[in-house]
Amino acid sequence: MPLINCPECKSTVSGEAEICPKCGYRILGREHLVRCPNCDHQVIPVFGPENRVWTYCPLCKNRLKANMGPGLVIALVLVTMMAAGIAIFLLTSFLRSRPQ
C-alpha cells in the first residue's frame, strides 16, 4: 500500500485513503472534479444508480447538471438509427409507387 502526501496539510496518508485523517481533505474522486457554473467552485460529483452523476455545489447550493452516462448516448443512437431506417423505408416505398 503506497503512501502519499495530502495535498492540503502535507501529512503522510495511505494511497487507498478516501479522506485525509488529519485534515479531512477528500483525496479519492478528485480526478472527476466538475466546476460549478455559478461560483466556479470545484465539486466532487456523486455517482448514483446507472452511472448517473449528480451533485449540488456546497457553496451556492446550485444543482449541477446530471450526466446521464452511456445509457443515454446508446438510446439516442438507437432512436436516430430507427428514425433513419423509417425515413429510408418511406422514401423507397414512395419512389416505388410513383409512376415512371
N, C-alpha and C. Protein backbone atom coordinates (compact mmCIF):
# COMPACT_ATOMS: atom_id res chain seq x y z
N MET A 1 0.84 -1.16 0.00
CA MET A 1 0.00 0.00 0.00
C MET A 1 0.91 1.25 0.00
N PRO A 2 0.89 2.03 -1.11
CA PRO A 2 1.78 3.19 -1.19
C PRO A 2 1.31 4.33 -0.29
N LEU A 3 2.25 5.12 0.15
CA LEU A 3 1.94 6.29 0.96
C LEU A 3 2.06 7.53 0.09
N ILE A 4 1.14 8.47 0.27
CA ILE A 4 1.17 9.73 -0.48
C ILE A 4 1.07 10.88 0.52
N ASN A 5 1.37 12.08 0.04
CA ASN A 5 1.23 13.27 0.88
C ASN A 5 -0.12 13.91 0.59
N CYS A 6 -0.80 14.32 1.63
CA CYS A 6 -2.07 15.02 1.48
C CYS A 6 -1.80 16.37 0.81
N PRO A 7 -2.53 16.71 -0.25
CA PRO A 7 -2.30 17.99 -0.93
C PRO A 7 -2.61 19.20 -0.03
N GLU A 8 -3.44 19.01 0.98
CA GLU A 8 -3.86 20.13 1.83
C GLU A 8 -2.90 20.37 2.99
N CYS A 9 -2.67 19.32 3.81
CA CYS A 9 -1.86 19.50 5.03
C CYS A 9 -0.47 18.88 4.94
N LYS A 10 -0.19 18.19 3.85
CA LYS A 10 1.13 17.58 3.58
C LYS A 10 1.49 16.43 4.52
N SER A 11 0.54 15.89 5.26
CA SER A 11 0.84 14.74 6.11
C SER A 11 0.83 13.46 5.26
N THR A 12 1.49 12.42 5.75
CA THR A 12 1.57 11.15 5.04
C THR A 12 0.26 10.38 5.22
N VAL A 13 -0.30 9.93 4.09
CA VAL A 13 -1.60 9.27 4.08
C VAL A 13 -1.49 8.02 3.21
N SER A 14 -2.27 7.00 3.53
CA SER A 14 -2.33 5.80 2.70
C SER A 14 -2.84 6.17 1.31
N GLY A 15 -2.29 5.53 0.30
CA GLY A 15 -2.72 5.78 -1.08
C GLY A 15 -4.14 5.31 -1.35
N GLU A 16 -4.68 4.48 -0.46
CA GLU A 16 -6.05 3.99 -0.63
C GLU A 16 -7.06 4.75 0.23
N ALA A 17 -6.59 5.76 0.97
CA ALA A 17 -7.48 6.51 1.84
C ALA A 17 -8.42 7.39 1.02
N GLU A 18 -9.65 7.44 1.47
CA GLU A 18 -10.64 8.28 0.79
C GLU A 18 -10.51 9.74 1.22
N ILE A 19 -10.26 9.94 2.50
CA ILE A 19 -10.04 11.29 3.03
C ILE A 19 -8.81 11.29 3.92
N CYS A 20 -8.23 12.46 4.08
CA CYS A 20 -7.07 12.58 4.97
C CYS A 20 -7.56 12.51 6.41
N PRO A 21 -6.99 11.61 7.25
CA PRO A 21 -7.44 11.50 8.63
C PRO A 21 -7.08 12.72 9.49
N LYS A 22 -6.12 13.52 9.04
CA LYS A 22 -5.70 14.66 9.84
C LYS A 22 -6.55 15.91 9.55
N CYS A 23 -6.77 16.21 8.26
CA CYS A 23 -7.47 17.47 7.93
C CYS A 23 -8.83 17.26 7.27
N GLY A 24 -9.15 16.02 6.87
CA GLY A 24 -10.44 15.75 6.24
C GLY A 24 -10.50 16.05 4.76
N TYR A 25 -9.36 16.34 4.14
CA TYR A 25 -9.32 16.64 2.71
C TYR A 25 -9.73 15.40 1.92
N ARG A 26 -10.63 15.56 0.97
CA ARG A 26 -11.09 14.44 0.14
C ARG A 26 -10.02 14.12 -0.88
N ILE A 27 -9.47 12.90 -0.84
CA ILE A 27 -8.38 12.50 -1.74
C ILE A 27 -8.92 11.75 -2.95
N LEU A 28 -9.74 10.72 -2.69
CA LEU A 28 -10.28 9.95 -3.82
C LEU A 28 -11.37 10.73 -4.53
N GLY A 29 -11.46 10.55 -5.83
CA GLY A 29 -12.51 11.20 -6.61
C GLY A 29 -12.11 12.55 -7.17
N ARG A 30 -10.91 13.03 -6.88
CA ARG A 30 -10.51 14.36 -7.34
C ARG A 30 -10.28 14.39 -8.84
N GLU A 31 -10.09 13.23 -9.47
CA GLU A 31 -9.90 13.22 -10.93
C GLU A 31 -11.20 13.47 -11.68
N HIS A 32 -12.32 13.44 -10.97
CA HIS A 32 -13.62 13.65 -11.61
C HIS A 32 -14.23 15.00 -11.24
N LEU A 33 -13.42 15.93 -10.79
CA LEU A 33 -13.95 17.23 -10.35
C LEU A 33 -14.69 17.93 -11.48
N VAL A 34 -15.78 18.59 -11.14
CA VAL A 34 -16.51 19.43 -12.08
C VAL A 34 -16.59 20.83 -11.48
N ARG A 35 -16.67 21.83 -12.34
CA ARG A 35 -16.76 23.21 -11.88
C ARG A 35 -18.20 23.66 -11.85
N CYS A 36 -18.58 24.32 -10.79
CA CYS A 36 -19.92 24.90 -10.69
C CYS A 36 -20.00 26.08 -11.65
N PRO A 37 -21.02 26.14 -12.52
CA PRO A 37 -21.11 27.26 -13.45
C PRO A 37 -21.45 28.58 -12.77
N ASN A 38 -22.00 28.55 -11.56
CA ASN A 38 -22.36 29.79 -10.86
C ASN A 38 -21.18 30.42 -10.13
N CYS A 39 -20.48 29.61 -9.33
CA CYS A 39 -19.43 30.19 -8.48
C CYS A 39 -18.02 29.70 -8.83
N ASP A 40 -17.88 28.82 -9.81
CA ASP A 40 -16.60 28.29 -10.28
C ASP A 40 -15.88 27.45 -9.22
N HIS A 41 -16.60 26.97 -8.22
CA HIS A 41 -16.03 26.10 -7.18
C HIS A 41 -15.88 24.69 -7.73
N GLN A 42 -14.79 24.01 -7.39
CA GLN A 42 -14.60 22.63 -7.82
C GLN A 42 -15.39 21.71 -6.90
N VAL A 43 -16.20 20.84 -7.52
CA VAL A 43 -17.08 19.95 -6.76
C VAL A 43 -16.80 18.51 -7.16
N ILE A 44 -16.75 17.63 -6.17
CA ILE A 44 -16.60 16.20 -6.45
C ILE A 44 -17.99 15.63 -6.68
N PRO A 45 -18.23 15.07 -7.87
CA PRO A 45 -19.57 14.55 -8.15
C PRO A 45 -19.85 13.26 -7.41
N VAL A 46 -21.13 12.94 -7.28
CA VAL A 46 -21.58 11.71 -6.64
C VAL A 46 -22.10 10.80 -7.74
N PHE A 47 -21.65 9.57 -7.77
CA PHE A 47 -22.09 8.62 -8.78
C PHE A 47 -23.26 7.83 -8.23
N GLY A 48 -24.40 7.98 -8.88
CA GLY A 48 -25.61 7.31 -8.44
C GLY A 48 -25.90 6.07 -9.26
N PRO A 49 -27.15 5.60 -9.22
CA PRO A 49 -27.52 4.42 -10.00
C PRO A 49 -27.33 4.65 -11.49
N GLU A 50 -27.00 3.60 -12.19
CA GLU A 50 -26.82 3.61 -13.64
C GLU A 50 -25.74 4.60 -14.07
N ASN A 51 -24.72 4.80 -13.24
CA ASN A 51 -23.59 5.69 -13.53
C ASN A 51 -24.00 7.13 -13.76
N ARG A 52 -25.14 7.55 -13.22
CA ARG A 52 -25.53 8.95 -13.34
C ARG A 52 -24.72 9.77 -12.36
N VAL A 53 -24.28 10.91 -12.82
CA VAL A 53 -23.50 11.81 -11.98
C VAL A 53 -24.40 12.97 -11.58
N TRP A 54 -24.48 13.22 -10.28
CA TRP A 54 -25.30 14.33 -9.81
C TRP A 54 -24.68 14.89 -8.55
N THR A 55 -24.89 16.16 -8.33
CA THR A 55 -24.38 16.78 -7.12
C THR A 55 -24.92 18.20 -6.99
N TYR A 56 -24.76 18.74 -5.81
CA TYR A 56 -25.05 20.14 -5.55
C TYR A 56 -23.74 20.82 -5.17
N CYS A 57 -23.61 22.06 -5.54
CA CYS A 57 -22.43 22.83 -5.15
C CYS A 57 -22.56 23.16 -3.66
N PRO A 58 -21.54 22.86 -2.85
CA PRO A 58 -21.65 23.13 -1.41
C PRO A 58 -21.65 24.62 -1.06
N LEU A 59 -21.15 25.46 -1.97
CA LEU A 59 -21.09 26.88 -1.67
C LEU A 59 -22.38 27.61 -2.03
N CYS A 60 -22.83 27.45 -3.29
CA CYS A 60 -24.00 28.21 -3.74
C CYS A 60 -25.27 27.37 -3.80
N LYS A 61 -25.17 26.07 -3.47
CA LYS A 61 -26.31 25.14 -3.46
C LYS A 61 -26.97 24.96 -4.83
N ASN A 62 -26.25 25.28 -5.89
CA ASN A 62 -26.75 25.10 -7.25
C ASN A 62 -26.68 23.63 -7.63
N ARG A 63 -27.78 23.10 -8.18
CA ARG A 63 -27.76 21.71 -8.64
C ARG A 63 -27.03 21.67 -9.97
N LEU A 64 -25.99 20.87 -10.02
CA LEU A 64 -25.21 20.75 -11.24
C LEU A 64 -25.93 19.83 -12.20
N LYS A 65 -25.69 20.02 -13.47
CA LYS A 65 -26.35 19.21 -14.49
C LYS A 65 -25.96 17.76 -14.33
N ALA A 66 -26.90 16.89 -14.56
CA ALA A 66 -26.66 15.45 -14.45
C ALA A 66 -26.08 14.93 -15.75
N ASN A 67 -25.09 14.10 -15.63
CA ASN A 67 -24.54 13.39 -16.78
C ASN A 67 -25.22 12.03 -16.79
N MET A 68 -25.98 11.75 -17.82
CA MET A 68 -26.80 10.56 -17.83
C MET A 68 -26.01 9.28 -18.12
N GLY A 69 -24.74 9.41 -18.38
CA GLY A 69 -23.93 8.23 -18.58
C GLY A 69 -24.09 7.63 -19.96
N PRO A 70 -23.50 6.46 -20.19
CA PRO A 70 -23.51 5.85 -21.51
C PRO A 70 -24.88 5.37 -21.95
N GLY A 71 -25.79 5.11 -21.02
CA GLY A 71 -27.12 4.62 -21.40
C GLY A 71 -27.88 5.60 -22.26
N LEU A 72 -27.78 6.89 -21.94
CA LEU A 72 -28.47 7.91 -22.72
C LEU A 72 -27.90 8.02 -24.12
N VAL A 73 -26.59 7.94 -24.24
CA VAL A 73 -25.94 8.03 -25.55
C VAL A 73 -26.37 6.86 -26.43
N ILE A 74 -26.39 5.67 -25.87
CA ILE A 74 -26.80 4.50 -26.64
C ILE A 74 -28.26 4.62 -27.07
N ALA A 75 -29.12 5.10 -26.18
CA ALA A 75 -30.54 5.27 -26.52
C ALA A 75 -30.70 6.29 -27.65
N LEU A 76 -29.97 7.38 -27.59
CA LEU A 76 -30.06 8.39 -28.65
C LEU A 76 -29.58 7.86 -29.99
N VAL A 77 -28.52 7.08 -29.98
CA VAL A 77 -28.02 6.49 -31.22
C VAL A 77 -29.04 5.52 -31.80
N LEU A 78 -29.64 4.70 -30.95
CA LEU A 78 -30.66 3.74 -31.43
C LEU A 78 -31.88 4.45 -32.00
N VAL A 79 -32.35 5.50 -31.33
CA VAL A 79 -33.51 6.24 -31.83
C VAL A 79 -33.18 6.90 -33.16
N THR A 80 -32.00 7.46 -33.29
CA THR A 80 -31.59 8.09 -34.55
C THR A 80 -31.51 7.06 -35.67
N MET A 81 -30.96 5.87 -35.37
CA MET A 81 -30.87 4.83 -36.39
C MET A 81 -32.26 4.34 -36.80
N MET A 82 -33.17 4.22 -35.84
CA MET A 82 -34.53 3.79 -36.18
C MET A 82 -35.24 4.85 -37.03
N ALA A 83 -35.05 6.12 -36.70
CA ALA A 83 -35.67 7.19 -37.48
C ALA A 83 -35.11 7.21 -38.90
N ALA A 84 -33.82 6.99 -39.04
CA ALA A 84 -33.22 6.95 -40.38
C ALA A 84 -33.75 5.75 -41.16
N GLY A 85 -33.90 4.60 -40.50
CA GLY A 85 -34.43 3.41 -41.18
C GLY A 85 -35.86 3.62 -41.63
N ILE A 86 -36.69 4.25 -40.81
CA ILE A 86 -38.07 4.53 -41.19
C ILE A 86 -38.12 5.51 -42.35
N ALA A 87 -37.26 6.53 -42.31
CA ALA A 87 -37.23 7.50 -43.40
C ALA A 87 -36.81 6.85 -44.72
N ILE A 88 -35.84 5.98 -44.68
CA ILE A 88 -35.40 5.28 -45.90
C ILE A 88 -36.50 4.37 -46.42
N PHE A 89 -37.18 3.65 -45.52
CA PHE A 89 -38.28 2.78 -45.91
C PHE A 89 -39.39 3.58 -46.58
N LEU A 90 -39.79 4.69 -45.98
CA LEU A 90 -40.86 5.51 -46.55
C LEU A 90 -40.46 6.10 -47.89
N LEU A 91 -39.21 6.53 -48.00
CA LEU A 91 -38.74 7.11 -49.26
C LEU A 91 -38.72 6.06 -50.37
N THR A 92 -38.23 4.86 -50.08
CA THR A 92 -38.20 3.82 -51.12
C THR A 92 -39.62 3.37 -51.48
N SER A 93 -40.53 3.32 -50.51
CA SER A 93 -41.92 2.96 -50.81
C SER A 93 -42.56 4.01 -51.70
N PHE A 94 -42.27 5.28 -51.41
CA PHE A 94 -42.83 6.36 -52.22
C PHE A 94 -42.29 6.31 -53.64
N LEU A 95 -40.99 6.06 -53.77
CA LEU A 95 -40.37 6.03 -55.11
C LEU A 95 -40.86 4.83 -55.92
N ARG A 96 -41.13 3.70 -55.29
CA ARG A 96 -41.64 2.52 -56.00
C ARG A 96 -43.08 2.72 -56.47
N SER A 97 -43.86 3.41 -55.67
CA SER A 97 -45.28 3.58 -56.02
C SER A 97 -45.49 4.69 -57.06
N ARG A 98 -44.53 5.48 -57.30
CA ARG A 98 -44.62 6.58 -58.27
C ARG A 98 -44.56 6.02 -59.69
N PRO A 99 -45.46 6.47 -60.59
CA PRO A 99 -45.36 6.01 -61.98
C PRO A 99 -44.13 6.62 -62.65
N GLN A 100 -43.52 5.83 -63.51
CA GLN A 100 -42.28 6.29 -64.15
C GLN A 100 -42.54 6.94 -65.45
